[in-house]
């Protein structure tokens, strides 16, 4: 898929993608078909080195990655208490918590077609 993206992009074109970041992939047996199925629907988890290597192997240049940090559970007790805060404060809180944990939920990757 990355090689196809490289093929259809014009020279200097950019690709931006997000992938699961260092996620533990749990599996369970599907009650309908009996096959082992990922709980989250994700089949692969990535880290910055793996994503960079995949993009570079496909032919992209100037690859950069960064984690995103939607770590604060907005549905839990803390979420109900803090839900009244403006979105920009949620974002700062997520980045602060995620940076301390060194674990973003998603890895954003950016690269350029030569």
PDB file of N, CA and C in Angstrom:
ATOM      1  N   UNK A   1       0.825  -1.193   0.000  1.00  0.00           N
ATOM      2  CA  UNK A   1       0.000   0.000   0.000  1.00  0.00           C
ATOM      3  C   UNK A   1       0.878   1.269   0.000  1.00  0.00           C
ATOM      4  N   UNK A   2       2.011   1.216   0.714  1.00  0.00           N
ATOM      5  CA  UNK A   2       2.879   2.394   0.740  1.00  0.00           C
ATOM      6  C   UNK A   2       3.539   2.619  -0.619  1.00  0.00           C
ATOM      7  N   UNK A   3       3.894   1.527  -1.298  1.00  0.00           N
ATOM      8  CA  UNK A   3       4.473   1.678  -2.638  1.00  0.00           C
ATOM      9  C   UNK A   3       3.448   2.258  -3.616  1.00  0.00           C
ATOM     10  N   UNK A   4       2.183   1.873  -3.445  1.00  0.00           N
ATOM     11  CA  UNK A   4       1.132   2.425  -4.299  1.00  0.00           C
ATOM     12  C   UNK A   4       0.950   3.916  -4.014  1.00  0.00           C
ATOM     13  N   UNK A   5       1.015   4.296  -2.733  1.00  0.00           N
ATOM     14  CA  UNK A   5       0.915   5.717  -2.385  1.00  0.00           C
ATOM     15  C   UNK A   5       2.079   6.488  -3.013  1.00  0.00           C
ATOM     16  N   UNK A   6       3.272   5.910  -2.962  1.00  0.00           N
ATOM     17  CA  UNK A   6       4.437   6.550  -3.582  1.00  0.00           C
ATOM     18  C   UNK A   6       4.220   6.700  -5.089  1.00  0.00           C
ATOM     19  N   UNK A   7       3.650   5.681  -5.717  1.00  0.00           N
ATOM     20  CA  UNK A   7       3.436   5.703  -7.162  1.00  0.00           C
ATOM     21  C   UNK A   7       2.468   6.807  -7.585  1.00  0.00           C
ATOM     22  N   UNK A   8       1.392   6.987  -6.829  1.00  0.00           N
ATOM     23  CA  UNK A   8       0.361   7.946  -7.258  1.00  0.00           C
ATOM     24  C   UNK A   8       0.636   9.379  -6.811  1.00  0.00           C
ATOM     25  N   UNK A   9       1.537   9.569  -5.857  1.00  0.00           N
ATOM     26  CA  UNK A   9       1.877  10.932  -5.435  1.00  0.00           C
ATOM     27  C   UNK A   9       2.774  11.594  -6.467  1.00  0.00           C
ATOM     28  N   UNK A  10       2.573  12.887  -6.657  1.00  0.00           N
ATOM     29  CA  UNK A  10       3.463  13.667  -7.508  1.00  0.00           C
ATOM     30  C   UNK A  10       4.792  13.853  -6.770  1.00  0.00           C
ATOM     31  N   UNK A  11       5.894  14.083  -7.492  1.00  0.00           N
ATOM     32  CA  UNK A  11       7.155  14.382  -6.813  1.00  0.00           C
ATOM     33  C   UNK A  11       6.961  15.555  -5.841  1.00  0.00           C
ATOM     34  N   UNK A  12       7.455  15.394  -4.636  1.00  0.00           N
ATOM     35  CA  UNK A  12       7.272  16.397  -3.599  1.00  0.00           C
ATOM     36  C   UNK A  12       5.973  16.221  -2.826  1.00  0.00           C
ATOM     37  N   UNK A  13       5.128  15.272  -3.272  1.00  0.00           N
ATOM     38  CA  UNK A  13       3.871  15.004  -2.572  1.00  0.00           C
ATOM     39  C   UNK A  13       4.130  14.404  -1.202  1.00  0.00           C
ATOM     40  N   UNK A  14       3.183  14.573  -0.323  1.00  0.00           N
ATOM     41  CA  UNK A  14       3.351  14.137   1.066  1.00  0.00           C
ATOM     42  C   UNK A  14       2.312  13.095   1.442  1.00  0.00           C
ATOM     43  N   UNK A  15       2.746  12.188   2.294  1.00  0.00           N
ATOM     44  CA  UNK A  15       1.834  11.208   2.877  1.00  0.00           C
ATOM     45  C   UNK A  15       1.819  11.437   4.387  1.00  0.00           C
ATOM     46  N   UNK A  16       0.641  11.411   4.950  1.00  0.00           N
ATOM     47  CA  UNK A  16       0.471  11.493   6.401  1.00  0.00           C
ATOM     48  C   UNK A  16      -0.435  10.333   6.786  1.00  0.00           C
ATOM     49  N   UNK A  17       0.005   9.536   7.732  1.00  0.00           N
ATOM     50  CA  UNK A  17      -0.813   8.404   8.156  1.00  0.00           C
ATOM     51  C   UNK A  17      -0.708   8.227   9.667  1.00  0.00           C
ATOM     52  N   UNK A  18      -1.697   7.555  10.222  1.00  0.00           N
ATOM     53  CA  UNK A  18      -1.661   7.229  11.650  1.00  0.00           C
ATOM     54  C   UNK A  18      -1.863   5.733  11.798  1.00  0.00           C
ATOM     55  N   UNK A  19      -1.128   5.164  12.742  1.00  0.00           N
ATOM     56  CA  UNK A  19      -1.170   3.721  12.989  1.00  0.00           C
ATOM     57  C   UNK A  19      -1.175   3.484  14.498  1.00  0.00           C
ATOM     58  N   UNK A  20      -1.632   2.302  14.936  1.00  0.00           N
ATOM     59  CA  UNK A  20      -1.570   1.991  16.368  1.00  0.00           C
ATOM     60  C   UNK A  20      -0.116   2.036  16.858  1.00  0.00           C
ATOM     61  N   UNK A  21       0.113   2.635  18.001  1.00  0.00           N
ATOM     62  CA  UNK A  21       1.463   2.856  18.522  1.00  0.00           C
ATOM     63  C   UNK A  21       1.741   1.949  19.722  1.00  0.00           C
ATOM     64  N   UNK A  22       2.658   1.023  19.535  1.00  0.00           N
ATOM     65  CA  UNK A  22       3.095   0.102  20.600  1.00  0.00           C
ATOM     66  C   UNK A  22       1.912  -0.479  21.374  1.00  0.00           C
ATOM     67  N   UNK A  23       0.909  -0.897  20.643  1.00  0.00           N
ATOM     68  CA  UNK A  23      -0.299  -1.431  21.248  1.00  0.00           C
ATOM     69  C   UNK A  23      -0.142  -2.936  21.489  1.00  0.00           C
ATOM     70  N   UNK A  24      -0.571  -3.401  22.653  1.00  0.00           N
ATOM     71  CA  UNK A  24      -0.635  -4.838  22.896  1.00  0.00           C
ATOM     72  C   UNK A  24      -1.906  -5.340  22.220  1.00  0.00           C
ATOM     73  N   UNK A  25      -1.739  -6.230  21.269  1.00  0.00           N
ATOM     74  CA  UNK A  25      -2.893  -6.716  20.518  1.00  0.00           C
ATOM     75  C   UNK A  25      -3.418  -7.977  21.187  1.00  0.00           C
ATOM     76  N   UNK A  26      -4.641  -7.886  21.689  1.00  0.00           N
ATOM     77  CA  UNK A  26      -5.287  -9.020  22.352  1.00  0.00           C
ATOM     78  C   UNK A  26      -6.187  -9.748  21.355  1.00  0.00           C
ATOM     79  N   UNK A  27      -6.287 -11.043  21.503  1.00  0.00           N
ATOM     80  CA  UNK A  27      -7.069 -11.873  20.593  1.00  0.00           C
ATOM     81  C   UNK A  27      -8.134 -12.631  21.365  1.00  0.00           C
ATOM     82  N   UNK A  28      -9.250 -12.897  20.720  1.00  0.00           N
ATOM     83  CA  UNK A  28     -10.289 -13.754  21.290  1.00  0.00           C
ATOM     84  C   UNK A  28     -10.922 -14.582  20.164  1.00  0.00           C
ATOM     85  N   UNK A  29     -11.604 -15.621  20.529  1.00  0.00           N
ATOM     86  CA  UNK A  29     -12.260 -16.469  19.541  1.00  0.00           C
ATOM     87  C   UNK A  29     -13.626 -15.878  19.205  1.00  0.00           C
ATOM     88  N   UNK A  30     -13.870 -15.655  17.930  1.00  0.00           N
ATOM     89  CA  UNK A  30     -15.134 -15.090  17.457  1.00  0.00           C
ATOM     90  C   UNK A  30     -16.267 -16.079  17.721  1.00  0.00           C
ATOM     91  N   UNK A  31     -17.347 -15.602  18.313  1.00  0.00           N
ATOM     92  CA  UNK A  31     -18.470 -16.496  18.617  1.00  0.00           C
ATOM     93  C   UNK A  31     -19.247 -16.881  17.359  1.00  0.00           C
ATOM     94  N   UNK A  32     -19.050 -16.162  16.261  1.00  0.00           N
ATOM     95  CA  UNK A  32     -19.788 -16.434  15.033  1.00  0.00           C
ATOM     96  C   UNK A  32     -19.072 -17.426  14.119  1.00  0.00           C
ATOM     97  N   UNK A  33     -17.756 -17.255  13.972  1.00  0.00           N
ATOM     98  CA  UNK A  33     -17.030 -18.107  13.024  1.00  0.00           C
ATOM     99  C   UNK A  33     -16.006 -19.018  13.687  1.00  0.00           C
ATOM    100  N   UNK A  34     -15.705 -18.780  14.968  1.00  0.00           N
ATOM    101  CA  UNK A  34     -14.749 -19.622  15.683  1.00  0.00           C
ATOM    102  C   UNK A  34     -13.294 -19.299  15.414  1.00  0.00           C
ATOM    103  N   UNK A  35     -13.023 -18.298  14.581  1.00  0.00           N
ATOM    104  CA  UNK A  35     -11.646 -17.906  14.270  1.00  0.00           C
ATOM    105  C   UNK A  35     -11.111 -16.954  15.333  1.00  0.00           C
ATOM    106  N   UNK A  36      -9.786 -16.948  15.495  1.00  0.00           N
ATOM    107  CA  UNK A  36      -9.165 -15.984  16.405  1.00  0.00           C
ATOM    108  C   UNK A  36      -9.219 -14.605  15.749  1.00  0.00           C
ATOM    109  N   UNK A  37      -9.676 -13.615  16.509  1.00  0.00           N
ATOM    110  CA  UNK A  37      -9.888 -12.270  16.004  1.00  0.00           C
ATOM    111  C   UNK A  37      -9.298 -11.262  16.975  1.00  0.00           C
ATOM    112  N   UNK A  38      -8.703 -10.209  16.436  1.00  0.00           N
ATOM    113  CA  UNK A  38      -8.167  -9.133  17.268  1.00  0.00           C
ATOM    114  C   UNK A  38      -9.312  -8.400  17.947  1.00  0.00           C
ATOM    115  N   UNK A  39      -9.181  -8.146  19.241  1.00  0.00           N
ATOM    116  CA  UNK A  39     -10.221  -7.434  19.988  1.00  0.00           C
ATOM    117  C   UNK A  39     -10.415  -6.028  19.437  1.00  0.00           C
ATOM    118  N   UNK A  40      -9.323  -5.341  19.124  1.00  0.00           N
ATOM    119  CA  UNK A  40      -9.405  -3.959  18.657  1.00  0.00           C
ATOM    120  C   UNK A  40      -9.612  -3.852  17.143  1.00  0.00           C
ATOM    121  N   UNK A  41      -9.430  -4.947  16.428  1.00  0.00           N
ATOM    122  CA  UNK A  41      -9.491  -4.902  14.976  1.00  0.00           C
ATOM    123  C   UNK A  41      -8.128  -4.628  14.346  1.00  0.00           C
ATOM    124  N   UNK A  42      -7.130  -4.304  15.163  1.00  0.00           N
ATOM    125  CA  UNK A  42      -5.784  -4.041  14.657  1.00  0.00           C
ATOM    126  C   UNK A  42      -5.023  -5.347  14.544  1.00  0.00           C
ATOM    127  N   UNK A  43      -4.328  -5.543  13.440  1.00  0.00           N
ATOM    128  CA  UNK A  43      -3.535  -6.746  13.244  1.00  0.00           C
ATOM    129  C   UNK A  43      -2.061  -6.515  13.514  1.00  0.00           C
ATOM    130  N   UNK A  44      -1.630  -5.250  13.441  1.00  0.00           N
ATOM    131  CA  UNK A  44      -0.220  -4.904  13.622  1.00  0.00           C
ATOM    132  C   UNK A  44      -0.121  -3.647  14.469  1.00  0.00           C
ATOM    133  N   UNK A  45       0.903  -3.593  15.294  1.00  0.00           N
ATOM    134  CA  UNK A  45       1.203  -2.398  16.066  1.00  0.00           C
ATOM    135  C   UNK A  45       2.575  -1.892  15.625  1.00  0.00           C
ATOM    136  N   UNK A  46       2.788  -0.605  15.688  1.00  0.00           N
ATOM    137  CA  UNK A  46       4.018  -0.009  15.164  1.00  0.00           C
ATOM    138  C   UNK A  46       4.721   0.813  16.232  1.00  0.00           C
ATOM    139  N   UNK A  47       6.027   0.974  16.045  1.00  0.00           N
ATOM    140  CA  UNK A  47       6.776   1.980  16.782  1.00  0.00           C
ATOM    141  C   UNK A  47       7.437   2.878  15.741  1.00  0.00           C
ATOM    142  N   UNK A  48       8.096   3.928  16.200  1.00  0.00           N
ATOM    143  CA  UNK A  48       8.662   4.908  15.266  1.00  0.00           C
ATOM    144  C   UNK A  48       9.686   4.274  14.327  1.00  0.00           C
ATOM    145  N   UNK A  49      10.533   3.395  14.846  1.00  0.00           N
ATOM    146  CA  UNK A  49      11.563   2.772  14.015  1.00  0.00           C
ATOM    147  C   UNK A  49      10.942   1.894  12.930  1.00  0.00           C
ATOM    148  N   UNK A  50       9.929   1.120  13.296  1.00  0.00           N
ATOM    149  CA  UNK A  50       9.277   0.229  12.328  1.00  0.00           C
ATOM    150  C   UNK A  50       8.570   1.026  11.229  1.00  0.00           C
ATOM    151  N   UNK A  51       7.864   2.083  11.621  1.00  0.00           N
ATOM    152  CA  UNK A  51       7.138   2.884  10.633  1.00  0.00           C
ATOM    153  C   UNK A  51       8.106   3.626   9.720  1.00  0.00           C
ATOM    154  N   UNK A  52       9.178   4.156  10.283  1.00  0.00           N
ATOM    155  CA  UNK A  52      10.196   4.842   9.488  1.00  0.00           C
ATOM    156  C   UNK A  52      10.811   3.876   8.480  1.00  0.00           C
ATOM    157  N   UNK A  53      11.158   2.666   8.936  1.00  0.00           N
ATOM    158  CA  UNK A  53      11.761   1.674   8.043  1.00  0.00           C
ATOM    159  C   UNK A  53      10.805   1.297   6.904  1.00  0.00           C
ATOM    160  N   UNK A  54       9.517   1.139   7.196  1.00  0.00           N
ATOM    161  CA  UNK A  54       8.546   0.797   6.157  1.00  0.00           C
ATOM    162  C   UNK A  54       8.411   1.908   5.116  1.00  0.00           C
ATOM    163  N   UNK A  55       8.334   3.148   5.576  1.00  0.00           N
ATOM    164  CA  UNK A  55       8.209   4.271   4.644  1.00  0.00           C
ATOM    165  C   UNK A  55       9.468   4.438   3.798  1.00  0.00           C
ATOM    166  N   UNK A  56      10.633   4.300   4.419  1.00  0.00           N
ATOM    167  CA  UNK A  56      11.886   4.428   3.666  1.00  0.00           C
ATOM    168  C   UNK A  56      12.058   3.279   2.685  1.00  0.00           C
ATOM    169  N   UNK A  57      11.668   2.060   3.078  1.00  0.00           N
ATOM    170  CA  UNK A  57      11.766   0.908   2.175  1.00  0.00           C
ATOM    171  C   UNK A  57      10.848   1.078   0.968  1.00  0.00           C
ATOM    172  N   UNK A  58       9.731   1.775   1.165  1.00  0.00           N
ATOM    173  CA  UNK A  58       8.809   2.038   0.054  1.00  0.00           C
ATOM    174  C   UNK A  58       9.347   3.121  -0.879  1.00  0.00           C
ATOM    175  N   UNK A  59      10.363   3.901  -0.415  1.00  0.00           N
ATOM    176  CA  UNK A  59      10.971   4.927  -1.257  1.00  0.00           C
ATOM    177  C   UNK A  59      10.733   6.352  -0.809  1.00  0.00           C
ATOM    178  N   UNK A  60      10.059   6.540   0.310  1.00  0.00           N
ATOM    179  CA  UNK A  60       9.817   7.898   0.804  1.00  0.00           C
ATOM    180  C   UNK A  60      11.072   8.472   1.439  1.00  0.00           C
ATOM    181  N   UNK A  61      11.148   9.799   1.502  1.00  0.00           N
ATOM    182  CA  UNK A  61      12.269  10.495   2.138  1.00  0.00           C
ATOM    183  C   UNK A  61      11.719  11.426   3.215  1.00  0.00           C
ATOM    184  N   UNK A  62      12.638  11.975   3.997  1.00  0.00           N
ATOM    185  CA  UNK A  62      12.299  12.932   5.062  1.00  0.00           C
ATOM    186  C   UNK A  62      11.153  12.426   5.940  1.00  0.00           C
ATOM    187  N   UNK A  63      11.299  11.199   6.407  1.00  0.00           N
ATOM    188  CA  UNK A  63      10.270  10.582   7.242  1.00  0.00           C
ATOM    189  C   UNK A  63      10.364  11.143   8.659  1.00  0.00           C
ATOM    190  N   UNK A  64       9.230  11.530   9.210  1.00  0.00           N
ATOM    191  CA  UNK A  64       9.181  11.961  10.605  1.00  0.00           C
ATOM    192  C   UNK A  64       7.978  11.303  11.265  1.00  0.00           C
ATOM    193  N   UNK A  65       8.092  11.048  12.546  1.00  0.00           N
ATOM    194  CA  UNK A  65       6.999  10.424  13.298  1.00  0.00           C
ATOM    195  C   UNK A  65       6.838  11.131  14.630  1.00  0.00           C
ATOM    196  N   UNK A  66       5.634  11.034  15.180  1.00  0.00           N
ATOM    197  CA  UNK A  66       5.396  11.527  16.541  1.00  0.00           C
ATOM    198  C   UNK A  66       4.180  10.817  17.096  1.00  0.00           C
ATOM    199  N   UNK A  67       4.191  10.599  18.386  1.00  0.00           N
ATOM    200  CA  UNK A  67       3.047   9.972  19.038  1.00  0.00           C
ATOM    201  C   UNK A  67       1.970  11.005  19.318  1.00  0.00           C
ATOM    202  N   UNK A  68       0.743  10.556  19.304  1.00  0.00           N
ATOM    203  CA  UNK A  68      -0.364  11.394  19.754  1.00  0.00           C
ATOM    204  C   UNK A  68      -0.843  10.816  21.073  1.00  0.00           C
ATOM    205  N   UNK A  69      -1.430  11.621  21.901  1.00  0.00           N
ATOM    206  CA  UNK A  69      -1.645  11.226  23.280  1.00  0.00           C
ATOM    207  C   UNK A  69      -3.086  11.342  23.757  1.00  0.00           C
ATOM    208  N   UNK A  70      -4.025  10.651  23.151  1.00  0.00           N
ATOM    209  CA  UNK A  70      -5.377  10.665  23.723  1.00  0.00           C
ATOM    210  C   UNK A  70      -5.489   9.638  24.843  1.00  0.00           C
ATOM    211  N   UNK A  71      -4.774   9.879  25.931  1.00  0.00           N
ATOM    212  CA  UNK A  71      -4.679   8.874  26.997  1.00  0.00           C
ATOM    213  C   UNK A  71      -5.684   9.062  28.117  1.00  0.00           C
ATOM    214  N   UNK A  72      -6.188  10.275  28.300  1.00  0.00           N
ATOM    215  CA  UNK A  72      -7.094  10.507  29.410  1.00  0.00           C
ATOM    216  C   UNK A  72      -8.448   9.891  29.054  1.00  0.00           C
ATOM    217  N   UNK A  73      -8.933   9.012  29.914  1.00  0.00           N
ATOM    218  CA  UNK A  73     -10.211   8.341  29.654  1.00  0.00           C
ATOM    219  C   UNK A  73     -11.347   9.321  29.902  1.00  0.00           C
ATOM    220  N   UNK A  74     -11.939   9.783  28.834  1.00  0.00           N
ATOM    221  CA  UNK A  74     -12.986  10.801  28.955  1.00  0.00           C
ATOM    222  C   UNK A  74     -14.322  10.206  29.388  1.00  0.00           C
ATOM    223  N   UNK A  75     -14.439   8.890  29.363  1.00  0.00           N
ATOM    224  CA  UNK A  75     -15.693   8.265  29.769  1.00  0.00           C
ATOM    225  C   UNK A  75     -15.676   7.850  31.233  1.00  0.00           C
ATOM    226  N   UNK A  76     -14.508   7.780  31.833  1.00  0.00           N
ATOM    227  CA  UNK A  76     -14.403   7.359  33.225  1.00  0.00           C
ATOM    228  C   UNK A  76     -14.761   8.479  34.188  1.00  0.00           C
ATOM    229  N   UNK A  77     -14.499   8.244  35.458  1.00  0.00           N
ATOM    230  CA  UNK A  77     -14.820   9.231  36.491  1.00  0.00           C
ATOM    231  C   UNK A  77     -14.084  10.536  36.240  1.00  0.00           C
ATOM    232  N   UNK A  78     -12.776  10.443  35.943  1.00  0.00           N
ATOM    233  CA  UNK A  78     -12.006  11.668  35.677  1.00  0.00           C
ATOM    234  C   UNK A  78     -12.579  12.409  34.481  1.00  0.00           C
ATOM    235  N   UNK A  79     -12.993  11.663  33.459  1.00  0.00           N
ATOM    236  CA  UNK A  79     -13.577  12.286  32.276  1.00  0.00           C
ATOM    237  C   UNK A  79     -14.864  13.020  32.598  1.00  0.00           C
ATOM    238  N   UNK A  80     -15.694  12.418  33.431  1.00  0.00           N
ATOM    239  CA  UNK A  80     -16.952  13.073  33.798  1.00  0.00           C
ATOM    240  C   UNK A  80     -16.694  14.332  34.619  1.00  0.00           C
ATOM    241  N   UNK A  81     -15.689  14.283  35.461  1.00  0.00           N
ATOM    242  CA  UNK A  81     -15.370  15.445  36.290  1.00  0.00           C
ATOM    243  C   UNK A  81     -14.754  16.557  35.439  1.00  0.00           C
ATOM    244  N   UNK A  82     -13.843  16.183  34.550  1.00  0.00           N
ATOM    245  CA  UNK A  82     -13.080  17.179  33.784  1.00  0.00           C
ATOM    246  C   UNK A  82     -13.696  17.508  32.431  1.00  0.00           C
ATOM    247  N   UNK A  83     -14.797  16.882  32.087  1.00  0.00           N
ATOM    248  CA  UNK A  83     -15.418  17.062  30.769  1.00  0.00           C
ATOM    249  C   UNK A  83     -15.783  18.514  30.476  1.00  0.00           C
ATOM    250  N   UNK A  84     -15.959  19.304  31.495  1.00  0.00           N
ATOM    251  CA  UNK A  84     -16.367  20.689  31.300  1.00  0.00           C
ATOM    252  C   UNK A  84     -15.211  21.585  30.850  1.00  0.00           C
ATOM    253  N   UNK A  85     -13.982  21.075  30.889  1.00  0.00           N
ATOM    254  CA  UNK A  85     -12.832  21.873  30.445  1.00  0.00           C
ATOM    255  C   UNK A  85     -12.876  22.072  28.931  1.00  0.00           C
ATOM    256  N   UNK A  86     -12.370  23.190  28.445  1.00  0.00           N
ATOM    257  CA  UNK A  86     -12.284  23.406  26.993  1.00  0.00           C
ATOM    258  C   UNK A  86     -11.363  22.372  26.334  1.00  0.00           C
ATOM    259  N   UNK A  87     -11.594  22.109  25.056  1.00  0.00           N
ATOM    260  CA  UNK A  87     -10.845  21.075  24.329  1.00  0.00           C
ATOM    261  C   UNK A  87      -9.336  21.322  24.347  1.00  0.00           C
ATOM    262  N   UNK A  88      -8.904  22.594  24.250  1.00  0.00           N
ATOM    263  CA  UNK A  88      -7.460  22.845  24.240  1.00  0.00           C
ATOM    264  C   UNK A  88      -6.811  22.440  25.556  1.00  0.00           C
ATOM    265  N   UNK A  89      -7.536  22.487  26.654  1.00  0.00           N
ATOM    266  CA  UNK A  89      -6.984  22.010  27.928  1.00  0.00           C
ATOM    267  C   UNK A  89      -6.920  20.490  27.959  1.00  0.00           C
ATOM    268  N   UNK A  90      -7.924  19.809  27.372  1.00  0.00           N
ATOM    269  CA  UNK A  90      -7.880  18.352  27.251  1.00  0.00           C
ATOM    270  C   UNK A  90      -6.637  17.946  26.468  1.00  0.00           C
ATOM    271  N   UNK A  91      -6.384  18.633  25.363  1.00  0.00           N
ATOM    272  CA  UNK A  91      -5.245  18.292  24.522  1.00  0.00           C
ATOM    273  C   UNK A  91      -3.946  18.435  25.302  1.00  0.00           C
ATOM    274  N   UNK A  92      -3.794  19.516  26.020  1.00  0.00           N
ATOM    275  CA  UNK A  92      -2.574  19.715  26.826  1.00  0.00           C
ATOM    276  C   UNK A  92      -2.443  18.639  27.893  1.00  0.00           C
ATOM    277  N   UNK A  93      -3.547  18.288  28.525  1.00  0.00           N
ATOM    278  CA  UNK A  93      -3.529  17.240  29.549  1.00  0.00           C
ATOM    279  C   UNK A  93      -3.135  15.906  28.926  1.00  0.00           C
ATOM    280  N   UNK A  94      -3.702  15.578  27.765  1.00  0.00           N
ATOM    281  CA  UNK A  94      -3.361  14.337  27.081  1.00  0.00           C
ATOM    282  C   UNK A  94      -1.876  14.284  26.730  1.00  0.00           C
ATOM    283  N   UNK A  95      -1.334  15.386  26.214  1.00  0.00           N
ATOM    284  CA  UNK A  95       0.082  15.424  25.856  1.00  0.00           C
ATOM    285  C   UNK A  95       0.947  15.264  27.099  1.00  0.00           C
ATOM    286  N   UNK A  96       0.586  15.940  28.180  1.00  0.00           N
ATOM    287  CA  UNK A  96       1.367  15.842  29.419  1.00  0.00           C
ATOM    288  C   UNK A  96       1.357  14.419  29.959  1.00  0.00           C
ATOM    289  N   UNK A  97       0.197  13.801  30.015  1.00  0.00           N
ATOM    290  CA  UNK A  97       0.095  12.433  30.526  1.00  0.00           C
ATOM    291  C   UNK A  97       0.825  11.473  29.591  1.00  0.00           C
ATOM    292  N   UNK A  98       0.607  11.614  28.293  1.00  0.00           N
ATOM    293  CA  UNK A  98       1.250  10.728  27.327  1.00  0.00           C
ATOM    294  C   UNK A  98       2.757  10.877  27.305  1.00  0.00           C
ATOM    295  N   UNK A  99       3.250  12.094  27.440  1.00  0.00           N
ATOM    296  CA  UNK A  99       4.694  12.322  27.450  1.00  0.00           C
ATOM    297  C   UNK A  99       5.331  11.685  28.673  1.00  0.00           C
ATOM    298  N   UNK A 100       4.674  11.780  29.811  1.00  0.00           N
ATOM    299  CA  UNK A 100       5.208  11.177  31.036  1.00  0.00           C
ATOM    300  C   UNK A 100       5.227   9.650  30.916  1.00  0.00           C
ATOM    301  N   UNK A 101       4.197   9.102  30.265  1.00  0.00           N
ATOM    302  CA  UNK A 101       4.114   7.651  30.093  1.00  0.00           C
ATOM    303  C   UNK A 101       4.958   7.178  28.908  1.00  0.00           C
ATOM    304  N   UNK A 102       5.438   8.121  28.070  1.00  0.00           N
ATOM    305  CA  UNK A 102       6.193   7.812  26.862  1.00  0.00           C
ATOM    306  C   UNK A 102       5.438   6.816  25.980  1.00  0.00           C
ATOM    307  N   UNK A 103       4.137   6.980  25.896  1.00  0.00           N
ATOM    308  CA  UNK A 103       3.315   6.048  25.129  1.00  0.00           C
ATOM    309  C   UNK A 103       2.104   6.766  24.563  1.00  0.00           C
ATOM    310  N   UNK A 104       2.175   7.166  23.327  1.00  0.00           N
ATOM    311  CA  UNK A 104       0.986   7.689  22.674  1.00  0.00           C
ATOM    312  C   UNK A 104       0.135   6.539  22.178  1.00  0.00           C
ATOM    313  N   UNK A 105      -1.137   6.751  22.019  1.00  0.00           N
ATOM    314  CA  UNK A 105      -2.010   5.704  21.489  1.00  0.00           C
ATOM    315  C   UNK A 105      -1.834   5.531  19.995  1.00  0.00           C
ATOM    316  N   UNK A 106      -1.508   6.602  19.302  1.00  0.00           N
ATOM    317  CA  UNK A 106      -1.367   6.565  17.848  1.00  0.00           C
ATOM    318  C   UNK A 106      -0.023   7.154  17.460  1.00  0.00           C
ATOM    319  N   UNK A 107       0.530   6.628  16.402  1.00  0.00           N
ATOM    320  CA  UNK A 107       1.776   7.148  15.852  1.00  0.00           C
ATOM    321  C   UNK A 107       1.440   7.827  14.532  1.00  0.00           C
ATOM    322  N   UNK A 108       1.767   9.095  14.427  1.00  0.00           N
ATOM    323  CA  UNK A 108       1.565   9.846  13.187  1.00  0.00           C
ATOM    324  C   UNK A 108       2.885   9.826  12.409  1.00  0.00           C
ATOM    325  N   UNK A 109       2.794   9.532  11.127  1.00  0.00           N
ATOM    326  CA  UNK A 109       3.980   9.506  10.282  1.00  0.00           C
ATOM    327  C   UNK A 109       3.772  10.459   9.111  1.00  0.00           C
ATOM    328  N   UNK A 110       4.841  11.140   8.732  1.00  0.00           N
ATOM    329  CA  UNK A 110       4.818  12.088   7.627  1.00  0.00           C
ATOM    330  C   UNK A 110       6.056  11.808   6.773  1.00  0.00           C
ATOM    331  N   UNK A 111       5.867  11.762   5.453  1.00  0.00           N
ATOM    332  CA  UNK A 111       6.998  11.522   4.561  1.00  0.00           C
ATOM    333  C   UNK A 111       6.725  12.199   3.214  1.00  0.00           C
ATOM    334  N   UNK A 112       7.778  12.320   2.422  1.00  0.00           N
ATOM    335  CA  UNK A 112       7.700  13.022   1.144  1.00  0.00           C
ATOM    336  C   UNK A 112       8.156  12.093   0.013  1.00  0.00           C
ATOM    337  N   UNK A 113       7.472  12.202  -1.120  1.00  0.00           N
ATOM    338  CA  UNK A 113       7.916  11.470  -2.310  1.00  0.00           C
ATOM    339  C   UNK A 113       9.043  12.254  -2.950  1.00  0.00           C
ATOM    340  N   UNK A 114      10.172  11.578  -3.229  1.00  0.00           N
ATOM    341  CA  UNK A 114      11.289  12.298  -3.867  1.00  0.00           C
ATOM    342  C   UNK A 114      10.938  12.751  -5.284  1.00  0.00           C
TER     343      UNK A 114
END
